[in-house]
Amino acid sequence: MNPLKLRSPFFFHFLFYLFSFFFYSSFWILWVSSLAYHNLLGTKRLCCC
């Protein structure tokens, strides 16, 4: 049995979760910073409003 073959699914899952967490956190930081920027300007340019 190859140990690399055993560890590769866990490694790929870890990479996938790490990449998804990084993408989600960067998107959330961009969204919050844009909301704070529009609130500082006093203009509420939101899609829902």
PDB file of N, CA and C in Angstrom:
ATOM      1  N   MET A   1       0.847  -1.204   0.000  1.00  0.00           N
ATOM      2  CA  MET A   1       0.000   0.000   0.000  1.00  0.00           C
ATOM      3  C   MET A   1       0.875   1.244   0.000  1.00  0.00           C
ATOM      4  N   ASN A   2       0.509   2.153  -0.834  1.00  0.00           N
ATOM      5  CA  ASN A   2       1.284   3.383  -0.946  1.00  0.00           C
ATOM      6  C   ASN A   2       0.775   4.404   0.079  1.00  0.00           C
ATOM      7  N   PRO A   3       1.629   4.911   0.944  1.00  0.00           N
ATOM      8  CA  PRO A   3       1.161   5.913   1.925  1.00  0.00           C
ATOM      9  C   PRO A   3       0.737   7.223   1.272  1.00  0.00           C
ATOM     10  N   LEU A   4       1.353   7.554   0.146  1.00  0.00           N
ATOM     11  CA  LEU A   4       0.966   8.783  -0.553  1.00  0.00           C
ATOM     12  C   LEU A   4      -0.443   8.656  -1.118  1.00  0.00           C
ATOM     13  N   LYS A   5      -0.779   7.443  -1.549  1.00  0.00           N
ATOM     14  CA  LYS A   5      -2.121   7.225  -2.084  1.00  0.00           C
ATOM     15  C   LYS A   5      -3.172   7.319  -0.977  1.00  0.00           C
ATOM     16  N   LEU A   6      -2.778   6.935   0.228  1.00  0.00           N
ATOM     17  CA  LEU A   6      -3.712   7.026   1.347  1.00  0.00           C
ATOM     18  C   LEU A   6      -3.891   8.467   1.801  1.00  0.00           C
ATOM     19  N   ARG A   7      -2.822   9.233   1.766  1.00  0.00           N
ATOM     20  CA  ARG A   7      -2.885  10.595   2.299  1.00  0.00           C
ATOM     21  C   ARG A   7      -3.375  11.614   1.276  1.00  0.00           C
ATOM     22  N   SER A   8      -3.393  11.266   0.011  1.00  0.00           N
ATOM     23  CA  SER A   8      -3.739  12.264  -0.999  1.00  0.00           C
ATOM     24  C   SER A   8      -5.189  12.752  -0.910  1.00  0.00           C
ATOM     25  N   PRO A   9      -6.207  11.910  -0.625  1.00  0.00           N
ATOM     26  CA  PRO A   9      -7.570  12.461  -0.526  1.00  0.00           C
ATOM     27  C   PRO A   9      -7.701  13.459   0.612  1.00  0.00           C
ATOM     28  N   PHE A  10      -7.103  13.143   1.758  1.00  0.00           N
ATOM     29  CA  PHE A  10      -7.158  14.080   2.880  1.00  0.00           C
ATOM     30  C   PHE A  10      -6.442  15.378   2.537  1.00  0.00           C
ATOM     31  N   PHE A  11      -5.324  15.255   1.835  1.00  0.00           N
ATOM     32  CA  PHE A  11      -4.564  16.449   1.461  1.00  0.00           C
ATOM     33  C   PHE A  11      -5.356  17.315   0.494  1.00  0.00           C
ATOM     34  N   PHE A  12      -6.026  16.678  -0.469  1.00  0.00           N
ATOM     35  CA  PHE A  12      -6.813  17.455  -1.425  1.00  0.00           C
ATOM     36  C   PHE A  12      -8.044  18.068  -0.766  1.00  0.00           C
ATOM     37  N   HIS A  13      -8.649  17.353   0.175  1.00  0.00           N
ATOM     38  CA  HIS A  13      -9.780  17.922   0.913  1.00  0.00           C
ATOM     39  C   HIS A  13      -9.325  19.110   1.746  1.00  0.00           C
ATOM     40  N   PHE A  14      -8.147  18.981   2.363  1.00  0.00           N
ATOM     41  CA  PHE A  14      -7.618  20.082   3.165  1.00  0.00           C
ATOM     42  C   PHE A  14      -7.326  21.296   2.294  1.00  0.00           C
ATOM     43  N   LEU A  15      -6.751  21.063   1.109  1.00  0.00           N
ATOM     44  CA  LEU A  15      -6.481  22.173   0.194  1.00  0.00           C
ATOM     45  C   LEU A  15      -7.775  22.824  -0.271  1.00  0.00           C
ATOM     46  N   PHE A  16      -8.783  21.999  -0.538  1.00  0.00           N
ATOM     47  CA  PHE A  16     -10.059  22.528  -1.008  1.00  0.00           C
ATOM     48  C   PHE A  16     -10.733  23.369   0.068  1.00  0.00           C
ATOM     49  N   TYR A  17     -10.724  22.879   1.318  1.00  0.00           N
ATOM     50  CA  TYR A  17     -11.339  23.647   2.395  1.00  0.00           C
ATOM     51  C   TYR A  17     -10.556  24.918   2.685  1.00  0.00           C
ATOM     52  N   LEU A  18      -9.247  24.843   2.586  1.00  0.00           N
ATOM     53  CA  LEU A  18      -8.420  26.030   2.823  1.00  0.00           C
ATOM     54  C   LEU A  18      -8.675  27.078   1.751  1.00  0.00           C
ATOM     55  N   PHE A  19      -8.774  26.639   0.491  1.00  0.00           N
ATOM     56  CA  PHE A  19      -9.028  27.570  -0.607  1.00  0.00           C
ATOM     57  C   PHE A  19     -10.425  28.172  -0.503  1.00  0.00           C
ATOM     58  N   SER A  20     -11.419  27.345  -0.146  1.00  0.00           N
ATOM     59  CA  SER A  20     -12.788  27.856  -0.027  1.00  0.00           C
ATOM     60  C   SER A  20     -12.898  28.827   1.146  1.00  0.00           C
ATOM     61  N   PHE A  21     -12.206  28.534   2.253  1.00  0.00           N
ATOM     62  CA  PHE A  21     -12.236  29.448   3.398  1.00  0.00           C
ATOM     63  C   PHE A  21     -11.556  30.767   3.060  1.00  0.00           C
ATOM     64  N   PHE A  22     -10.449  30.716   2.327  1.00  0.00           N
ATOM     65  CA  PHE A  22      -9.757  31.938   1.930  1.00  0.00           C
ATOM     66  C   PHE A  22     -10.617  32.766   0.982  1.00  0.00           C
ATOM     67  N   PHE A  23     -11.281  32.104   0.038  1.00  0.00           N
ATOM     68  CA  PHE A  23     -12.144  32.809  -0.906  1.00  0.00           C
ATOM     69  C   PHE A  23     -13.337  33.436  -0.191  1.00  0.00           C
ATOM     70  N   TYR A  24     -13.940  32.689   0.744  1.00  0.00           N
ATOM     71  CA  TYR A  24     -15.102  33.196   1.468  1.00  0.00           C
ATOM     72  C   TYR A  24     -14.721  34.356   2.375  1.00  0.00           C
ATOM     73  N   SER A  25     -13.583  34.259   3.056  1.00  0.00           N
ATOM     74  CA  SER A  25     -13.164  35.335   3.953  1.00  0.00           C
ATOM     75  C   SER A  25     -12.792  36.590   3.169  1.00  0.00           C
ATOM     76  N   SER A  26     -12.143  36.435   2.019  1.00  0.00           N
ATOM     77  CA  SER A  26     -11.789  37.608   1.212  1.00  0.00           C
ATOM     78  C   SER A  26     -13.038  38.269   0.645  1.00  0.00           C
ATOM     79  N   PHE A  27     -14.019  37.461   0.230  1.00  0.00           N
ATOM     80  CA  PHE A  27     -15.271  38.014  -0.278  1.00  0.00           C
ATOM     81  C   PHE A  27     -16.026  38.737   0.829  1.00  0.00           C
ATOM     82  N   TRP A  28     -16.021  38.172   2.047  1.00  0.00           N
ATOM     83  CA  TRP A  28     -16.720  38.796   3.168  1.00  0.00           C
ATOM     84  C   TRP A  28     -16.041  40.103   3.563  1.00  0.00           C
ATOM     85  N   ILE A  29     -14.710  40.143   3.548  1.00  0.00           N
ATOM     86  CA  ILE A  29     -13.972  41.365   3.895  1.00  0.00           C
ATOM     87  C   ILE A  29     -14.228  42.444   2.847  1.00  0.00           C
ATOM     88  N   LEU A  30     -14.262  42.065   1.567  1.00  0.00           N
ATOM     89  CA  LEU A  30     -14.560  43.036   0.515  1.00  0.00           C
ATOM     90  C   LEU A  30     -15.974  43.577   0.661  1.00  0.00           C
ATOM     91  N   TRP A  31     -16.927  42.703   1.002  1.00  0.00           N
ATOM     92  CA  TRP A  31     -18.322  43.131   1.143  1.00  0.00           C
ATOM     93  C   TRP A  31     -18.487  44.072   2.328  1.00  0.00           C
ATOM     94  N   VAL A  32     -17.863  43.749   3.457  1.00  0.00           N
ATOM     95  CA  VAL A  32     -17.971  44.588   4.651  1.00  0.00           C
ATOM     96  C   VAL A  32     -17.271  45.923   4.436  1.00  0.00           C
ATOM     97  N   SER A  33     -16.116  45.902   3.763  1.00  0.00           N
ATOM     98  CA  SER A  33     -15.405  47.158   3.514  1.00  0.00           C
ATOM     99  C   SER A  33     -16.180  48.040   2.544  1.00  0.00           C
ATOM    100  N   SER A  34     -16.842  47.445   1.561  1.00  0.00           N
ATOM    101  CA  SER A  34     -17.650  48.241   0.636  1.00  0.00           C
ATOM    102  C   SER A  34     -18.864  48.819   1.349  1.00  0.00           C
ATOM    103  N   LEU A  35     -19.457  48.042   2.262  1.00  0.00           N
ATOM    104  CA  LEU A  35     -20.592  48.555   3.034  1.00  0.00           C
ATOM    105  C   LEU A  35     -20.153  49.704   3.925  1.00  0.00           C
ATOM    106  N   ALA A  36     -19.011  49.560   4.588  1.00  0.00           N
ATOM    107  CA  ALA A  36     -18.517  50.623   5.458  1.00  0.00           C
ATOM    108  C   ALA A  36     -18.133  51.852   4.639  1.00  0.00           C
ATOM    109  N   TYR A  37     -17.593  51.646   3.442  1.00  0.00           N
ATOM    110  CA  TYR A  37     -17.209  52.763   2.580  1.00  0.00           C
ATOM    111  C   TYR A  37     -18.437  53.545   2.129  1.00  0.00           C
ATOM    112  N   HIS A  38     -19.500  52.849   1.749  1.00  0.00           N
ATOM    113  CA  HIS A  38     -20.718  53.544   1.338  1.00  0.00           C
ATOM    114  C   HIS A  38     -21.396  54.209   2.532  1.00  0.00           C
ATOM    115  N   ASN A  39     -21.303  53.619   3.701  1.00  0.00           N
ATOM    116  CA  ASN A  39     -21.897  54.237   4.880  1.00  0.00           C
ATOM    117  C   ASN A  39     -21.108  55.470   5.296  1.00  0.00           C
ATOM    118  N   LEU A  40     -19.802  55.465   5.086  1.00  0.00           N
ATOM    119  CA  LEU A  40     -18.996  56.644   5.393  1.00  0.00           C
ATOM    120  C   LEU A  40     -19.325  57.776   4.427  1.00  0.00           C
ATOM    121  N   LEU A  41     -19.591  57.445   3.178  1.00  0.00           N
ATOM    122  CA  LEU A  41     -19.957  58.469   2.206  1.00  0.00           C
ATOM    123  C   LEU A  41     -21.373  58.982   2.444  1.00  0.00           C
ATOM    124  N   GLY A  42     -22.175  58.190   3.135  1.00  0.00           N
ATOM    125  CA  GLY A  42     -23.549  58.595   3.367  1.00  0.00           C
ATOM    126  C   GLY A  42     -24.479  58.196   2.244  1.00  0.00           C
ATOM    127  N   THR A  43     -23.995  57.433   1.286  1.00  0.00           N
ATOM    128  CA  THR A  43     -24.841  56.985   0.185  1.00  0.00           C
ATOM    129  C   THR A  43     -25.065  55.495   0.335  1.00  0.00           C
ATOM    130  N   LYS A  44     -26.307  55.103   0.355  1.00  0.00           N
ATOM    131  CA  LYS A  44     -26.630  53.680   0.513  1.00  0.00           C
ATOM    132  C   LYS A  44     -26.977  53.115  -0.856  1.00  0.00           C
ATOM    133  N   ARG A  45     -25.933  52.760  -1.597  1.00  0.00           N
ATOM    134  CA  ARG A  45     -26.132  52.187  -2.923  1.00  0.00           C
ATOM    135  C   ARG A  45     -26.082  50.667  -2.816  1.00  0.00           C
ATOM    136  N   LEU A  46     -27.169  50.090  -2.358  1.00  0.00           N
ATOM    137  CA  LEU A  46     -27.247  48.640  -2.238  1.00  0.00           C
ATOM    138  C   LEU A  46     -28.225  48.098  -3.262  1.00  0.00           C
ATOM    139  N   CYS A  47     -28.005  46.877  -3.687  1.00  0.00           N
ATOM    140  CA  CYS A  47     -28.878  46.289  -4.701  1.00  0.00           C
ATOM    141  C   CYS A  47     -30.269  46.011  -4.136  1.00  0.00           C
ATOM    142  N   CYS A  48     -30.344  45.689  -2.860  1.00  0.00           N
ATOM    143  CA  CYS A  48     -31.640  45.316  -2.293  1.00  0.00           C
ATOM    144  C   CYS A  48     -32.488  46.548  -1.993  1.00  0.00           C
ATOM    145  N   CYS A  49     -31.856  47.691  -1.774  1.00  0.00           N
ATOM    146  CA  CYS A  49     -32.621  48.895  -1.411  1.00  0.00           C
ATOM    147  C   CYS A  49     -33.058  49.637  -2.677  1.00  0.00           C
TER     148      CYS A  49
END
